[in-house]
C-alpha atoms as a PDB file:
ATOM      1  CA  UNK A   1       8.876 -51.687 -85.032  1.00  0.00           C
ATOM      2  CA  UNK A   2       6.793 -53.617 -87.462  1.00  0.00           C
ATOM      3  CA  UNK A   3       3.555 -52.354 -88.926  1.00  0.00           C
ATOM      4  CA  UNK A   4       1.588 -54.985 -87.013  1.00  0.00           C
ATOM      5  CA  UNK A   5       3.101 -53.860 -83.712  1.00  0.00           C
ATOM      6  CA  UNK A   6       2.335 -50.231 -84.474  1.00  0.00           C
ATOM      7  CA  UNK A   7      -1.236 -51.169 -85.357  1.00  0.00           C
ATOM      8  CA  UNK A   8      -1.687 -52.936 -82.012  1.00  0.00           C
ATOM      9  CA  UNK A   9      -0.200 -49.959 -80.146  1.00  0.00           C
ATOM     10  CA  UNK A  10      -2.509 -47.524 -81.927  1.00  0.00           C
ATOM     11  CA  UNK A  11      -5.528 -49.752 -81.245  1.00  0.00           C
ATOM     12  CA  UNK A  12      -4.533 -49.918 -77.578  1.00  0.00           C
ATOM     13  CA  UNK A  13      -4.250 -46.142 -77.307  1.00  0.00           C
ATOM     14  CA  UNK A  14      -7.597 -45.617 -79.013  1.00  0.00           C
ATOM     15  CA  UNK A  15      -9.198 -48.209 -76.735  1.00  0.00           C
ATOM     16  CA  UNK A  16      -7.729 -46.490 -73.677  1.00  0.00           C
ATOM     17  CA  UNK A  17      -9.214 -43.151 -74.721  1.00  0.00           C
ATOM     18  CA  UNK A  18     -12.552 -44.789 -75.523  1.00  0.00           C
ATOM     19  CA  UNK A  19     -12.723 -46.536 -72.135  1.00  0.00           C
ATOM     20  CA  UNK A  20     -11.748 -43.419 -70.187  1.00  0.00           C
ATOM     21  CA  UNK A  21     -14.334 -41.238 -71.927  1.00  0.00           C
ATOM     22  CA  UNK A  22     -17.434 -42.096 -69.810  1.00  0.00           C
ATOM     23  CA  UNK A  23     -15.530 -41.621 -66.559  1.00  0.00           C
ATOM     24  CA  UNK A  24     -14.003 -38.339 -67.681  1.00  0.00           C
ATOM     25  CA  UNK A  25     -17.369 -37.062 -68.905  1.00  0.00           C
ATOM     26  CA  UNK A  26     -19.021 -37.947 -65.598  1.00  0.00           C
ATOM     27  CA  UNK A  27     -16.365 -36.002 -63.704  1.00  0.00           C
ATOM     28  CA  UNK A  28     -16.668 -33.096 -66.111  1.00  0.00           C
ATOM     29  CA  UNK A  29     -20.455 -32.923 -65.854  1.00  0.00           C
ATOM     30  CA  UNK A  30     -20.431 -33.237 -62.056  1.00  0.00           C
ATOM     31  CA  UNK A  31     -17.825 -30.487 -61.812  1.00  0.00           C
ATOM     32  CA  UNK A  32     -19.769 -28.263 -64.170  1.00  0.00           C
ATOM     33  CA  UNK A  33     -23.024 -28.739 -62.268  1.00  0.00           C
ATOM     34  CA  UNK A  34     -21.241 -28.135 -58.966  1.00  0.00           C
ATOM     35  CA  UNK A  35     -19.654 -24.960 -60.287  1.00  0.00           C
ATOM     36  CA  UNK A  36     -22.986 -23.654 -61.568  1.00  0.00           C
ATOM     37  CA  UNK A  37     -24.641 -24.368 -58.223  1.00  0.00           C
ATOM     38  CA  UNK A  38     -21.816 -22.614 -56.385  1.00  0.00           C
ATOM     39  CA  UNK A  39     -22.134 -19.621 -58.675  1.00  0.00           C
ATOM     40  CA  UNK A  40     -25.907 -19.447 -58.163  1.00  0.00           C
ATOM     41  CA  UNK A  41     -25.812 -19.834 -54.380  1.00  0.00           C
ATOM     42  CA  UNK A  42     -22.490 -17.974 -53.854  1.00  0.00           C
ATOM     43  CA  UNK A  43     -21.510 -20.702 -51.415  1.00  0.00           C
ATOM     44  CA  UNK A  44     -17.797 -21.441 -51.764  1.00  0.00           C
ATOM     45  CA  UNK A  45     -17.255 -24.736 -49.982  1.00  0.00           C
ATOM     46  CA  UNK A  46     -14.635 -27.015 -51.581  1.00  0.00           C
ATOM     47  CA  UNK A  47     -16.545 -30.153 -50.605  1.00  0.00           C
ATOM     48  CA  UNK A  48     -19.412 -29.067 -52.866  1.00  0.00           C
ATOM     49  CA  UNK A  49     -17.029 -29.529 -55.756  1.00  0.00           C
ATOM     50  CA  UNK A  50     -15.146 -32.669 -54.743  1.00  0.00           C
ATOM     51  CA  UNK A  51     -17.809 -34.917 -53.228  1.00  0.00           C
ATOM     52  CA  UNK A  52     -20.279 -34.900 -56.159  1.00  0.00           C
ATOM     53  CA  UNK A  53     -17.434 -35.372 -58.621  1.00  0.00           C
ATOM     54  CA  UNK A  54     -16.070 -38.290 -56.613  1.00  0.00           C
ATOM     55  CA  UNK A  55     -19.516 -39.874 -56.425  1.00  0.00           C
ATOM     56  CA  UNK A  56     -20.177 -39.403 -60.132  1.00  0.00           C
ATOM     57  CA  UNK A  57     -16.830 -40.899 -61.136  1.00  0.00           C
ATOM     58  CA  UNK A  58     -17.202 -43.800 -58.683  1.00  0.00           C
ATOM     59  CA  UNK A  59     -20.720 -44.647 -59.840  1.00  0.00           C
ATOM     60  CA  UNK A  60     -19.760 -44.401 -63.494  1.00  0.00           C
ATOM     61  CA  UNK A  61     -16.768 -46.650 -62.924  1.00  0.00           C
ATOM     62  CA  UNK A  62     -18.882 -49.149 -61.004  1.00  0.00           C
ATOM     63  CA  UNK A  63     -21.546 -49.328 -63.714  1.00  0.00           C
ATOM     64  CA  UNK A  64     -19.116 -49.400 -66.632  1.00  0.00           C
ATOM     65  CA  UNK A  65     -16.617 -51.853 -65.105  1.00  0.00           C
ATOM     66  CA  UNK A  66     -18.108 -54.957 -66.799  1.00  0.00           C
ATOM     67  CA  UNK A  67     -18.008 -53.239 -70.188  1.00  0.00           C
ATOM     68  CA  UNK A  68     -14.439 -52.045 -69.592  1.00  0.00           C
ATOM     69  CA  UNK A  69     -13.314 -55.531 -68.540  1.00  0.00           C
ATOM     70  CA  UNK A  70     -14.947 -57.089 -71.594  1.00  0.00           C
ATOM     71  CA  UNK A  71     -13.299 -54.603 -73.965  1.00  0.00           C
ATOM     72  CA  UNK A  72      -9.865 -55.074 -72.393  1.00  0.00           C
ATOM     73  CA  UNK A  73     -10.239 -58.863 -72.516  1.00  0.00           C
ATOM     74  CA  UNK A  74     -11.265 -58.753 -76.169  1.00  0.00           C
ATOM     75  CA  UNK A  75      -8.335 -56.479 -77.022  1.00  0.00           C
ATOM     76  CA  UNK A  76      -5.865 -58.716 -75.164  1.00  0.00           C
ATOM     77  CA  UNK A  77      -7.153 -61.806 -76.950  1.00  0.00           C
ATOM     78  CA  UNK A  78      -6.822 -60.098 -80.329  1.00  0.00           C
ATOM     79  CA  UNK A  79      -3.391 -58.687 -79.491  1.00  0.00           C
ATOM     80  CA  UNK A  80      -2.074 -62.102 -78.442  1.00  0.00           C
ATOM     81  CA  UNK A  81      -3.755 -63.841 -81.335  1.00  0.00           C
ATOM     82  CA  UNK A  82      -6.095 -65.958 -79.229  1.00  0.00           C
ATOM     83  CA  UNK A  83      -9.342 -64.766 -80.717  1.00  0.00           C
END
């Protein structure tokens, strides 16, 4: 593999981690808040953990989708040499 190819692969991996970060953080925070609420109320219902996490991840993905699409498009243009 050439150095240019390795550079593009590394940039792609870093971009993937960067784009996944807001969604992962939203799921983490929703799970943490749900766990704290379950510990405070001693109510052990699995839906109290899954539903808020699903909503948080879905909303974060919906609001960050334009940014994600723009970043992926920019990366693809640079990787193919179009930009």
